[in-house]
Amino acid sequence: MQIIDGQPVFSATDLVGFLACEHLTALELAAAARLVRRPVRDDPELEVLQARGLAHEQRYLADLEAAGRKVTRLPAEEGVEDRGQRLRRAAAATEAAIRRGDDVIYQATFFDGRWLGYADFLVRVEMPSALGPWSYEIVDTKLARSTKASVCSRVSRVTPGGSNKRSGLINAQNSTDELGRKLPASR
C-alpha cells in the first residue's frame, strides 16, 4: 500500500497480504501514514532471485520477438513530476496500445487512483471484445515451476478495480504464467 496524490492506493499484493494476515495490512497502513518505519534489510539471496527473475522475463521477451511477435515496450515511470502523474501517463500509454491492437505489450500499467497494477506482458489474442476482433491475455513471468494461489489472485486483480476486465479490454479468464524452466543437470 502506498499514498499517491494524498490517497491510499492498493495493489493486488496488498489484497493477497490482507487475505493472508489482517495485521500485515494494519502495519502497511501505519507505515503509509508514517507512524512506523518499514523494516529494511539487505538480503543477498533475494537480490539473486530478483536478478534471475529479470533474466527469465528477458528470455521470455526474446522468445516472443524470435517468434515474430511485435513487442511494444512501454517506458518505465521516470521523470520529475509527481508519481500520480507518471502513473496516469503510463496507464494512458497502456490503454492506447491496447486500443491500437498492439501485438504484445511489455510492462503494462493499470492505475485508476485507488488500485495500481502491472502486467509483465499483455499478449493479443484473436477473441472478440469491446475493442473489436481481439482482446488480451495477461502473461506473468515467474521463476516458480508451478502457480500458487496468491499469483492467481494477483493476476486477476492486475486491472485495478476490474475496470479493464469490465470494459472487455483484458481477457483475464485465460491469463497465464510463464513459469521458470528446469535447468539442465550439470555434468
N, C-alpha and C. Protein backbone atom coordinates (compact mmCIF):
# COMPACT_ATOMS: atom_id res chain seq x y z
N MET A 1 0.84 -1.17 0.00
CA MET A 1 0.00 0.00 0.00
C MET A 1 0.88 1.23 0.00
N GLN A 2 0.43 2.24 -0.70
CA GLN A 2 1.20 3.47 -0.76
C GLN A 2 0.25 4.65 -0.85
N ILE A 3 0.77 5.81 -0.58
CA ILE A 3 -0.02 7.04 -0.68
C ILE A 3 0.40 7.74 -1.98
N ILE A 4 -0.56 7.97 -2.86
CA ILE A 4 -0.32 8.67 -4.12
C ILE A 4 -1.38 9.76 -4.24
N ASP A 5 -0.96 10.96 -4.51
CA ASP A 5 -1.88 12.10 -4.59
C ASP A 5 -2.67 12.25 -3.28
N GLY A 6 -2.04 11.92 -2.15
CA GLY A 6 -2.67 12.06 -0.85
C GLY A 6 -3.71 10.99 -0.52
N GLN A 7 -3.84 9.99 -1.38
CA GLN A 7 -4.84 8.94 -1.18
C GLN A 7 -4.18 7.57 -1.08
N PRO A 8 -4.76 6.64 -0.28
CA PRO A 8 -4.20 5.29 -0.26
C PRO A 8 -4.46 4.59 -1.60
N VAL A 9 -3.43 3.94 -2.11
CA VAL A 9 -3.54 3.19 -3.36
C VAL A 9 -3.11 1.77 -3.05
N PHE A 10 -3.91 0.82 -3.49
CA PHE A 10 -3.69 -0.58 -3.20
C PHE A 10 -3.30 -1.34 -4.46
N SER A 11 -2.60 -2.44 -4.24
CA SER A 11 -2.21 -3.32 -5.34
C SER A 11 -2.74 -4.71 -5.06
N ALA A 12 -2.62 -5.59 -6.02
CA ALA A 12 -3.03 -6.98 -5.83
C ALA A 12 -2.22 -7.62 -4.71
N THR A 13 -0.96 -7.24 -4.57
CA THR A 13 -0.13 -7.76 -3.48
C THR A 13 -0.72 -7.37 -2.13
N ASP A 14 -1.26 -6.16 -2.03
CA ASP A 14 -1.91 -5.74 -0.79
C ASP A 14 -3.13 -6.60 -0.50
N LEU A 15 -3.89 -6.92 -1.52
CA LEU A 15 -5.06 -7.77 -1.35
C LEU A 15 -4.65 -9.16 -0.86
N VAL A 16 -3.63 -9.72 -1.47
CA VAL A 16 -3.13 -11.03 -1.05
C VAL A 16 -2.62 -10.97 0.39
N GLY A 17 -1.90 -9.89 0.72
CA GLY A 17 -1.42 -9.72 2.09
C GLY A 17 -2.56 -9.63 3.09
N PHE A 18 -3.62 -8.92 2.74
CA PHE A 18 -4.77 -8.80 3.63
C PHE A 18 -5.44 -10.15 3.84
N LEU A 19 -5.59 -10.92 2.76
CA LEU A 19 -6.21 -12.23 2.88
C LEU A 19 -5.37 -13.18 3.74
N ALA A 20 -4.06 -13.00 3.71
CA ALA A 20 -3.17 -13.86 4.49
C ALA A 20 -3.07 -13.40 5.94
N CYS A 21 -3.10 -12.07 6.16
CA CYS A 21 -2.85 -11.56 7.52
C CYS A 21 -3.35 -10.12 7.63
N GLU A 22 -4.46 -9.93 8.34
CA GLU A 22 -5.01 -8.58 8.50
C GLU A 22 -4.04 -7.66 9.24
N HIS A 23 -3.23 -8.23 10.13
CA HIS A 23 -2.26 -7.43 10.87
C HIS A 23 -1.23 -6.82 9.91
N LEU A 24 -0.84 -7.57 8.89
CA LEU A 24 0.08 -7.04 7.88
C LEU A 24 -0.51 -5.78 7.25
N THR A 25 -1.79 -5.80 6.94
CA THR A 25 -2.45 -4.63 6.36
C THR A 25 -2.43 -3.46 7.33
N ALA A 26 -2.66 -3.73 8.62
CA ALA A 26 -2.60 -2.66 9.62
C ALA A 26 -1.21 -2.06 9.68
N LEU A 27 -0.17 -2.91 9.60
CA LEU A 27 1.21 -2.40 9.60
C LEU A 27 1.49 -1.58 8.34
N GLU A 28 1.00 -2.03 7.19
CA GLU A 28 1.19 -1.28 5.94
C GLU A 28 0.51 0.08 6.01
N LEU A 29 -0.70 0.12 6.56
CA LEU A 29 -1.40 1.39 6.70
C LEU A 29 -0.63 2.32 7.64
N ALA A 30 -0.11 1.78 8.74
CA ALA A 30 0.67 2.58 9.67
C ALA A 30 1.95 3.10 9.02
N ALA A 31 2.60 2.27 8.21
CA ALA A 31 3.81 2.71 7.52
C ALA A 31 3.49 3.79 6.49
N ALA A 32 2.38 3.64 5.78
CA ALA A 32 1.99 4.65 4.79
C ALA A 32 1.68 5.98 5.47
N ALA A 33 1.14 5.92 6.69
CA ALA A 33 0.84 7.14 7.45
C ALA A 33 2.07 7.65 8.20
N ARG A 34 3.19 6.97 8.02
CA ARG A 34 4.47 7.31 8.65
C ARG A 34 4.41 7.26 10.18
N LEU A 35 3.59 6.33 10.67
CA LEU A 35 3.51 6.10 12.12
C LEU A 35 4.55 5.09 12.57
N VAL A 36 4.95 4.21 11.66
CA VAL A 36 6.01 3.22 11.91
C VAL A 36 6.91 3.18 10.68
N ARG A 37 8.10 2.65 10.86
CA ARG A 37 9.03 2.52 9.73
C ARG A 37 8.99 1.08 9.23
N ARG A 38 8.99 0.94 7.91
CA ARG A 38 9.10 -0.40 7.32
C ARG A 38 10.49 -0.93 7.59
N PRO A 39 10.59 -2.19 7.98
CA PRO A 39 11.93 -2.74 8.17
C PRO A 39 12.64 -2.89 6.82
N VAL A 40 13.90 -2.56 6.79
CA VAL A 40 14.71 -2.70 5.59
C VAL A 40 15.92 -3.56 5.95
N ARG A 41 16.19 -4.54 5.13
CA ARG A 41 17.35 -5.38 5.39
C ARG A 41 17.96 -5.80 4.08
N ASP A 42 19.27 -5.93 4.10
CA ASP A 42 19.97 -6.46 2.94
C ASP A 42 19.74 -7.96 2.89
N ASP A 43 19.41 -8.45 1.72
CA ASP A 43 19.19 -9.88 1.57
C ASP A 43 19.82 -10.32 0.25
N PRO A 44 21.06 -10.78 0.30
CA PRO A 44 21.75 -11.18 -0.93
C PRO A 44 21.00 -12.27 -1.70
N GLU A 45 20.34 -13.18 -0.99
CA GLU A 45 19.59 -14.23 -1.68
C GLU A 45 18.41 -13.65 -2.45
N LEU A 46 17.73 -12.67 -1.86
CA LEU A 46 16.63 -12.02 -2.54
C LEU A 46 17.14 -11.28 -3.78
N GLU A 47 18.29 -10.64 -3.67
CA GLU A 47 18.87 -9.95 -4.82
C GLU A 47 19.17 -10.93 -5.95
N VAL A 48 19.67 -12.11 -5.62
CA VAL A 48 19.95 -13.13 -6.64
C VAL A 48 18.65 -13.58 -7.30
N LEU A 49 17.60 -13.81 -6.49
CA LEU A 49 16.30 -14.21 -7.05
C LEU A 49 15.72 -13.13 -7.96
N GLN A 50 15.84 -11.87 -7.55
CA GLN A 50 15.34 -10.78 -8.38
C GLN A 50 16.09 -10.72 -9.71
N ALA A 51 17.41 -10.90 -9.67
CA ALA A 51 18.20 -10.89 -10.90
C ALA A 51 17.81 -12.06 -11.80
N ARG A 52 17.60 -13.22 -11.22
CA ARG A 52 17.19 -14.39 -12.02
C ARG A 52 15.79 -14.19 -12.60
N GLY A 53 14.90 -13.57 -11.80
CA GLY A 53 13.56 -13.30 -12.29
C GLY A 53 13.57 -12.34 -13.48
N LEU A 54 14.39 -11.31 -13.39
CA LEU A 54 14.51 -10.37 -14.50
C LEU A 54 15.11 -11.05 -15.73
N ALA A 55 16.09 -11.92 -15.53
CA ALA A 55 16.69 -12.66 -16.65
C ALA A 55 15.64 -13.57 -17.30
N HIS A 56 14.80 -14.20 -16.49
CA HIS A 56 13.73 -15.06 -17.02
C HIS A 56 12.75 -14.22 -17.86
N GLU A 57 12.38 -13.06 -17.34
CA GLU A 57 11.48 -12.17 -18.07
C GLU A 57 12.10 -11.75 -19.41
N GLN A 58 13.39 -11.43 -19.39
CA GLN A 58 14.08 -11.02 -20.62
C GLN A 58 14.16 -12.18 -21.63
N ARG A 59 14.35 -13.41 -21.14
CA ARG A 59 14.34 -14.58 -22.04
C ARG A 59 12.98 -14.74 -22.70
N TYR A 60 11.92 -14.59 -21.92
CA TYR A 60 10.58 -14.72 -22.48
C TYR A 60 10.33 -13.63 -23.52
N LEU A 61 10.77 -12.41 -23.23
CA LEU A 61 10.66 -11.30 -24.18
C LEU A 61 11.40 -11.64 -25.48
N ALA A 62 12.61 -12.15 -25.35
CA ALA A 62 13.40 -12.54 -26.53
C ALA A 62 12.72 -13.67 -27.30
N ASP A 63 12.11 -14.62 -26.58
CA ASP A 63 11.39 -15.72 -27.24
C ASP A 63 10.21 -15.19 -28.06
N LEU A 64 9.48 -14.23 -27.50
CA LEU A 64 8.36 -13.63 -28.23
C LEU A 64 8.84 -12.96 -29.51
N GLU A 65 9.92 -12.18 -29.39
CA GLU A 65 10.44 -11.48 -30.56
C GLU A 65 11.01 -12.46 -31.59
N ALA A 66 11.65 -13.52 -31.14
CA ALA A 66 12.18 -14.53 -32.05
C ALA A 66 11.05 -15.25 -32.79
N ALA A 67 9.88 -15.34 -32.14
CA ALA A 67 8.73 -15.98 -32.77
C ALA A 67 8.00 -15.03 -33.73
N GLY A 68 8.54 -13.81 -33.88
CA GLY A 68 7.96 -12.85 -34.82
C GLY A 68 6.89 -11.94 -34.22
N ARG A 69 6.71 -11.96 -32.91
CA ARG A 69 5.73 -11.09 -32.28
C ARG A 69 6.31 -9.67 -32.19
N LYS A 70 5.50 -8.68 -32.52
CA LYS A 70 5.93 -7.28 -32.43
C LYS A 70 5.61 -6.79 -31.02
N VAL A 71 6.65 -6.38 -30.29
CA VAL A 71 6.50 -6.00 -28.89
C VAL A 71 6.54 -4.49 -28.74
N THR A 72 5.54 -3.95 -28.09
CA THR A 72 5.52 -2.55 -27.70
C THR A 72 6.09 -2.47 -26.29
N ARG A 73 7.19 -1.77 -26.14
CA ARG A 73 7.84 -1.63 -24.83
C ARG A 73 7.42 -0.29 -24.25
N LEU A 74 6.66 -0.36 -23.17
CA LEU A 74 6.21 0.87 -22.53
C LEU A 74 7.32 1.39 -21.63
N PRO A 75 7.54 2.70 -21.64
CA PRO A 75 8.63 3.26 -20.84
C PRO A 75 8.37 3.12 -19.35
N ALA A 76 9.43 2.95 -18.60
CA ALA A 76 9.32 2.90 -17.13
C ALA A 76 8.92 4.28 -16.64
N GLU A 77 8.26 4.31 -15.49
CA GLU A 77 7.84 5.60 -14.95
C GLU A 77 9.06 6.36 -14.45
N GLU A 78 9.41 7.39 -15.20
CA GLU A 78 10.54 8.24 -14.85
C GLU A 78 10.12 9.69 -15.02
N GLY A 79 10.91 10.58 -14.55
CA GLY A 79 10.61 11.99 -14.73
C GLY A 79 10.60 12.71 -13.41
N VAL A 80 10.44 14.01 -13.50
CA VAL A 80 10.49 14.83 -12.30
C VAL A 80 9.12 15.12 -11.72
N GLU A 81 8.07 14.96 -12.50
CA GLU A 81 6.75 15.26 -11.96
C GLU A 81 6.33 14.19 -10.96
N ASP A 82 5.24 14.44 -10.26
CA ASP A 82 4.86 13.55 -9.18
C ASP A 82 4.45 12.16 -9.68
N ARG A 83 4.47 11.21 -8.76
CA ARG A 83 4.22 9.81 -9.11
C ARG A 83 2.82 9.60 -9.69
N GLY A 84 1.82 10.28 -9.16
CA GLY A 84 0.46 10.15 -9.68
C GLY A 84 0.39 10.50 -11.16
N GLN A 85 1.06 11.60 -11.54
CA GLN A 85 1.08 11.98 -12.95
C GLN A 85 1.77 10.93 -13.81
N ARG A 86 2.90 10.40 -13.31
CA ARG A 86 3.62 9.38 -14.06
C ARG A 86 2.77 8.13 -14.24
N LEU A 87 2.08 7.72 -13.18
CA LEU A 87 1.24 6.52 -13.28
C LEU A 87 0.06 6.72 -14.21
N ARG A 88 -0.56 7.89 -14.16
CA ARG A 88 -1.66 8.17 -15.09
C ARG A 88 -1.17 8.17 -16.54
N ARG A 89 0.03 8.72 -16.76
CA ARG A 89 0.59 8.73 -18.12
C ARG A 89 0.90 7.29 -18.58
N ALA A 90 1.48 6.48 -17.69
CA ALA A 90 1.80 5.09 -18.04
C ALA A 90 0.53 4.29 -18.30
N ALA A 91 -0.51 4.52 -17.50
CA ALA A 91 -1.78 3.82 -17.71
C ALA A 91 -2.42 4.25 -19.03
N ALA A 92 -2.32 5.54 -19.36
CA ALA A 92 -2.86 6.02 -20.64
C ALA A 92 -2.10 5.41 -21.82
N ALA A 93 -0.78 5.28 -21.69
CA ALA A 93 0.01 4.65 -22.76
C ALA A 93 -0.37 3.18 -22.91
N THR A 94 -0.63 2.50 -21.80
CA THR A 94 -1.08 1.11 -21.86
C THR A 94 -2.42 1.02 -22.58
N GLU A 95 -3.36 1.86 -22.17
CA GLU A 95 -4.68 1.81 -22.80
C GLU A 95 -4.60 2.14 -24.29
N ALA A 96 -3.76 3.10 -24.66
CA ALA A 96 -3.62 3.45 -26.08
C ALA A 96 -3.08 2.25 -26.87
N ALA A 97 -2.10 1.54 -26.33
CA ALA A 97 -1.54 0.36 -27.00
C ALA A 97 -2.60 -0.73 -27.13
N ILE A 98 -3.42 -0.90 -26.09
CA ILE A 98 -4.49 -1.89 -26.13
C ILE A 98 -5.49 -1.52 -27.22
N ARG A 99 -5.91 -0.27 -27.24
CA ARG A 99 -6.92 0.16 -28.22
C ARG A 99 -6.40 0.11 -29.66
N ARG A 100 -5.07 0.31 -29.83
CA ARG A 100 -4.48 0.18 -31.17
C ARG A 100 -4.44 -1.27 -31.63
N GLY A 101 -4.46 -2.18 -30.68
CA GLY A 101 -4.37 -3.60 -31.02
C GLY A 101 -2.93 -4.08 -31.14
N ASP A 102 -2.00 -3.43 -30.44
CA ASP A 102 -0.60 -3.86 -30.49
C ASP A 102 -0.49 -5.35 -30.17
N ASP A 103 0.45 -6.01 -30.79
CA ASP A 103 0.59 -7.46 -30.70
C ASP A 103 0.93 -7.93 -29.29
N VAL A 104 2.01 -7.40 -28.72
CA VAL A 104 2.43 -7.71 -27.35
C VAL A 104 2.77 -6.39 -26.67
N ILE A 105 2.29 -6.22 -25.44
CA ILE A 105 2.57 -5.01 -24.68
C ILE A 105 3.39 -5.43 -23.46
N TYR A 106 4.59 -4.87 -23.37
CA TYR A 106 5.53 -5.23 -22.31
C TYR A 106 5.52 -4.15 -21.24
N GLN A 107 5.33 -4.56 -19.99
CA GLN A 107 5.32 -3.67 -18.82
C GLN A 107 4.12 -2.73 -18.82
N ALA A 108 2.92 -3.33 -18.91
CA ALA A 108 1.68 -2.56 -18.88
C ALA A 108 1.42 -2.04 -17.47
N THR A 109 0.85 -0.85 -17.39
CA THR A 109 0.49 -0.23 -16.11
C THR A 109 -1.00 0.02 -16.09
N PHE A 110 -1.63 -0.32 -14.97
CA PHE A 110 -3.05 -0.05 -14.76
C PHE A 110 -3.16 0.77 -13.48
N PHE A 111 -3.82 1.92 -13.57
CA PHE A 111 -3.94 2.80 -12.41
C PHE A 111 -5.23 3.60 -12.54
N ASP A 112 -6.05 3.54 -11.50
CA ASP A 112 -7.29 4.31 -11.51
C ASP A 112 -7.42 5.26 -10.32
N GLY A 113 -6.31 5.49 -9.62
CA GLY A 113 -6.33 6.38 -8.47
C GLY A 113 -6.50 5.66 -7.15
N ARG A 114 -7.05 4.43 -7.18
CA ARG A 114 -7.21 3.63 -5.96
C ARG A 114 -6.48 2.30 -6.05
N TRP A 115 -6.37 1.76 -7.26
CA TRP A 115 -5.71 0.48 -7.48
C TRP A 115 -4.58 0.68 -8.48
N LEU A 116 -3.47 0.01 -8.22
CA LEU A 116 -2.31 0.07 -9.10
C LEU A 116 -1.90 -1.35 -9.42
N GLY A 117 -1.71 -1.63 -10.69
CA GLY A 117 -1.28 -2.96 -11.09
C GLY A 117 -0.36 -2.89 -12.29
N TYR A 118 0.48 -3.90 -12.38
CA TYR A 118 1.40 -4.02 -13.52
C TYR A 118 1.24 -5.40 -14.11
N ALA A 119 1.39 -5.51 -15.40
CA ALA A 119 1.42 -6.80 -16.07
C ALA A 119 2.74 -6.91 -16.80
N ASP A 120 3.43 -8.03 -16.63
CA ASP A 120 4.68 -8.22 -17.36
C ASP A 120 4.40 -8.11 -18.86
N PHE A 121 3.39 -8.84 -19.33
CA PHE A 121 3.06 -8.86 -20.74
C PHE A 121 1.54 -8.91 -20.93
N LEU A 122 1.06 -8.20 -21.92
CA LEU A 122 -0.29 -8.38 -22.44
C LEU A 122 -0.11 -8.92 -23.85
N VAL A 123 -0.67 -10.07 -24.11
CA VAL A 123 -0.50 -10.73 -25.40
C VAL A 123 -1.84 -10.74 -26.12
N ARG A 124 -1.84 -10.18 -27.32
CA ARG A 124 -3.07 -10.10 -28.10
C ARG A 124 -3.52 -11.50 -28.52
N VAL A 125 -4.82 -11.72 -28.36
CA VAL A 125 -5.43 -12.97 -28.81
C VAL A 125 -6.61 -12.61 -29.69
N GLU A 126 -6.89 -13.46 -30.64
CA GLU A 126 -8.00 -13.20 -31.56
C GLU A 126 -9.29 -13.73 -30.93
N MET A 127 -9.75 -12.98 -29.94
CA MET A 127 -11.00 -13.28 -29.25
C MET A 127 -11.77 -11.96 -29.18
N PRO A 128 -12.97 -11.91 -29.72
CA PRO A 128 -13.72 -10.65 -29.77
C PRO A 128 -13.88 -10.01 -28.39
N SER A 129 -13.85 -8.68 -28.40
CA SER A 129 -14.03 -7.90 -27.18
C SER A 129 -14.64 -6.56 -27.58
N ALA A 130 -14.74 -5.65 -26.63
CA ALA A 130 -15.24 -4.31 -26.91
C ALA A 130 -14.32 -3.57 -27.88
N LEU A 131 -13.10 -4.06 -28.05
CA LEU A 131 -12.11 -3.42 -28.94
C LEU A 131 -12.33 -3.77 -30.40
N GLY A 132 -12.90 -4.91 -30.65
CA GLY A 132 -13.03 -5.45 -32.00
C GLY A 132 -12.78 -6.95 -31.96
N PRO A 133 -12.14 -7.50 -32.99
CA PRO A 133 -11.95 -8.96 -33.04
C PRO A 133 -10.79 -9.47 -32.17
N TRP A 134 -10.25 -8.64 -31.29
CA TRP A 134 -9.14 -9.07 -30.44
C TRP A 134 -9.39 -8.67 -28.98
N SER A 135 -8.63 -9.31 -28.11
CA SER A 135 -8.55 -8.94 -26.69
C SER A 135 -7.14 -9.30 -26.24
N TYR A 136 -6.89 -9.25 -24.95
CA TYR A 136 -5.54 -9.51 -24.43
C TYR A 136 -5.57 -10.52 -23.30
N GLU A 137 -4.54 -11.31 -23.23
CA GLU A 137 -4.29 -12.18 -22.10
C GLU A 137 -3.10 -11.64 -21.34
N ILE A 138 -3.17 -11.75 -20.03
CA ILE A 138 -2.07 -11.33 -19.18
C ILE A 138 -1.11 -12.50 -19.05
N VAL A 139 0.18 -12.24 -19.27
CA VAL A 139 1.21 -13.25 -19.03
C VAL A 139 2.14 -12.69 -17.97
N ASP A 140 2.24 -13.42 -16.88
CA ASP A 140 3.08 -13.02 -15.75
C ASP A 140 4.27 -13.97 -15.71
N THR A 141 5.47 -13.45 -15.77
CA THR A 141 6.65 -14.31 -15.73
C THR A 141 7.04 -14.55 -14.28
N LYS A 142 7.22 -15.81 -13.94
CA LYS A 142 7.59 -16.21 -12.58
C LYS A 142 8.66 -17.29 -12.67
N LEU A 143 9.59 -17.26 -11.73
CA LEU A 143 10.63 -18.29 -11.69
C LEU A 143 10.10 -19.63 -11.20
N ALA A 144 9.01 -19.61 -10.44
CA ALA A 144 8.48 -20.85 -9.87
C ALA A 144 8.12 -21.82 -11.00
N ARG A 145 8.10 -23.10 -10.67
CA ARG A 145 7.75 -24.11 -11.66
C ARG A 145 6.28 -24.51 -11.58
N SER A 146 5.56 -23.94 -10.62
CA SER A 146 4.11 -24.16 -10.53
C SER A 146 3.47 -22.87 -10.05
N THR A 147 2.18 -22.71 -10.35
CA THR A 147 1.47 -21.49 -10.00
C THR A 147 0.88 -21.62 -8.60
N LYS A 148 1.04 -20.57 -7.81
CA LYS A 148 0.48 -20.54 -6.46
C LYS A 148 -0.82 -19.75 -6.48
N ALA A 149 -1.69 -20.04 -5.50
CA ALA A 149 -2.98 -19.35 -5.43
C ALA A 149 -2.81 -17.85 -5.34
N SER A 150 -1.80 -17.37 -4.61
CA SER A 150 -1.61 -15.92 -4.46
C SER A 150 -1.30 -15.26 -5.79
N VAL A 151 -0.61 -15.98 -6.69
CA VAL A 151 -0.32 -15.43 -8.02
C VAL A 151 -1.60 -15.31 -8.81
N CYS A 152 -2.48 -16.30 -8.71
CA CYS A 152 -3.77 -16.23 -9.41
C CYS A 152 -4.56 -15.02 -8.96
N SER A 153 -4.55 -14.77 -7.66
CA SER A 153 -5.25 -13.62 -7.12
C SER A 153 -4.65 -12.33 -7.65
N ARG A 154 -3.31 -12.25 -7.68
CA ARG A 154 -2.66 -11.04 -8.17
C ARG A 154 -2.97 -10.81 -9.64
N VAL A 155 -2.91 -11.86 -10.45
CA VAL A 155 -3.18 -11.70 -11.88
C VAL A 155 -4.62 -11.28 -12.10
N SER A 156 -5.55 -11.83 -11.32
CA SER A 156 -6.94 -11.46 -11.53
C SER A 156 -7.22 -10.02 -11.12
N ARG A 157 -6.38 -9.43 -10.25
CA ARG A 157 -6.57 -8.07 -9.82
C ARG A 157 -5.65 -7.09 -10.53
N VAL A 158 -4.87 -7.55 -11.51
CA VAL A 158 -3.90 -6.65 -12.13
C VAL A 158 -4.57 -5.45 -12.77
N THR A 159 -5.82 -5.63 -13.19
CA THR A 159 -6.54 -4.49 -13.72
C THR A 159 -7.30 -3.86 -12.57
N PRO A 160 -6.91 -2.67 -12.13
CA PRO A 160 -7.46 -2.07 -10.93
C PRO A 160 -8.97 -2.02 -10.93
N GLY A 161 -9.55 -2.46 -9.84
CA GLY A 161 -10.99 -2.42 -9.71
C GLY A 161 -11.69 -3.26 -10.76
N GLY A 162 -10.94 -4.05 -11.51
CA GLY A 162 -11.53 -4.85 -12.57
C GLY A 162 -12.02 -4.00 -13.72
N SER A 163 -11.66 -2.71 -13.74
CA SER A 163 -12.23 -1.78 -14.72
C SER A 163 -11.95 -2.21 -16.15
N ASN A 164 -10.74 -2.66 -16.44
CA ASN A 164 -10.44 -3.07 -17.82
C ASN A 164 -11.11 -4.39 -18.16
N LYS A 165 -11.27 -5.28 -17.19
CA LYS A 165 -11.98 -6.52 -17.44
C LYS A 165 -13.44 -6.21 -17.75
N ARG A 166 -14.06 -5.31 -16.97
CA ARG A 166 -15.47 -5.00 -17.19
C ARG A 166 -15.69 -4.38 -18.56
N SER A 167 -14.75 -3.58 -19.03
CA SER A 167 -14.93 -2.95 -20.33
C SER A 167 -14.48 -3.85 -21.47
N GLY A 168 -14.03 -5.06 -21.15
CA GLY A 168 -13.69 -6.02 -22.18
C GLY A 168 -12.31 -5.85 -22.78
N LEU A 169 -11.43 -5.10 -22.15
CA LEU A 169 -10.10 -4.89 -22.72
C LEU A 169 -9.16 -6.05 -22.43
N ILE A 170 -9.36 -6.72 -21.30
CA ILE A 170 -8.46 -7.80 -20.89
C ILE A 170 -9.26 -9.08 -20.74
N ASN A 171 -8.75 -10.17 -21.30
CA ASN A 171 -9.37 -11.47 -21.16
C ASN A 171 -8.66 -12.20 -20.02
N ALA A 172 -8.94 -11.79 -18.78
CA ALA A 172 -8.22 -12.34 -17.63
C ALA A 172 -8.60 -13.78 -17.33
N GLN A 173 -9.68 -14.28 -17.91
CA GLN A 173 -10.05 -15.67 -17.68
C GLN A 173 -8.99 -16.62 -18.24
N ASN A 174 -8.26 -16.19 -19.24
CA ASN A 174 -7.25 -17.04 -19.85
C ASN A 174 -5.84 -16.54 -19.58
N SER A 175 -5.65 -15.85 -18.47
CA SER A 175 -4.32 -15.37 -18.13
C SER A 175 -3.41 -16.53 -17.80
N THR A 176 -2.15 -16.35 -18.10
CA THR A 176 -1.21 -17.44 -17.90
C THR A 176 0.04 -16.96 -17.17
N ASP A 177 0.77 -17.92 -16.66
CA ASP A 177 2.08 -17.65 -16.08
C ASP A 177 3.12 -18.28 -16.99
N GLU A 178 4.17 -17.55 -17.26
CA GLU A 178 5.32 -18.12 -17.95
C GLU A 178 6.28 -18.52 -16.84
N LEU A 179 6.26 -19.80 -16.51
CA LEU A 179 7.00 -20.29 -15.35
C LEU A 179 8.46 -20.55 -15.69
N GLY A 180 9.26 -20.60 -14.64
CA GLY A 180 10.68 -20.91 -14.79
C GLY A 180 10.87 -22.28 -15.40
N ARG A 181 11.95 -22.44 -16.10
CA ARG A 181 12.22 -23.72 -16.74
C ARG A 181 13.26 -24.47 -15.94
N LYS A 182 13.12 -25.77 -15.92
CA LYS A 182 14.08 -26.59 -15.20
C LYS A 182 15.43 -26.48 -15.92
N LEU A 183 16.45 -26.20 -15.15
CA LEU A 183 17.77 -26.09 -15.74
C LEU A 183 18.34 -27.49 -15.99
N PRO A 184 19.09 -27.67 -17.06
CA PRO A 184 19.69 -28.98 -17.30
C PRO A 184 20.66 -29.35 -16.18
N ALA A 185 20.72 -30.62 -15.90
CA ALA A 185 21.63 -31.10 -14.84
C ALA A 185 23.06 -30.82 -15.26
N SER A 186 23.86 -30.39 -14.30
CA SER A 186 25.25 -30.12 -14.61
C SER A 186 26.01 -31.44 -14.65
N ARG A 187 27.03 -31.52 -15.47
CA ARG A 187 27.79 -32.75 -15.61
C ARG A 187 29.13 -32.62 -14.97
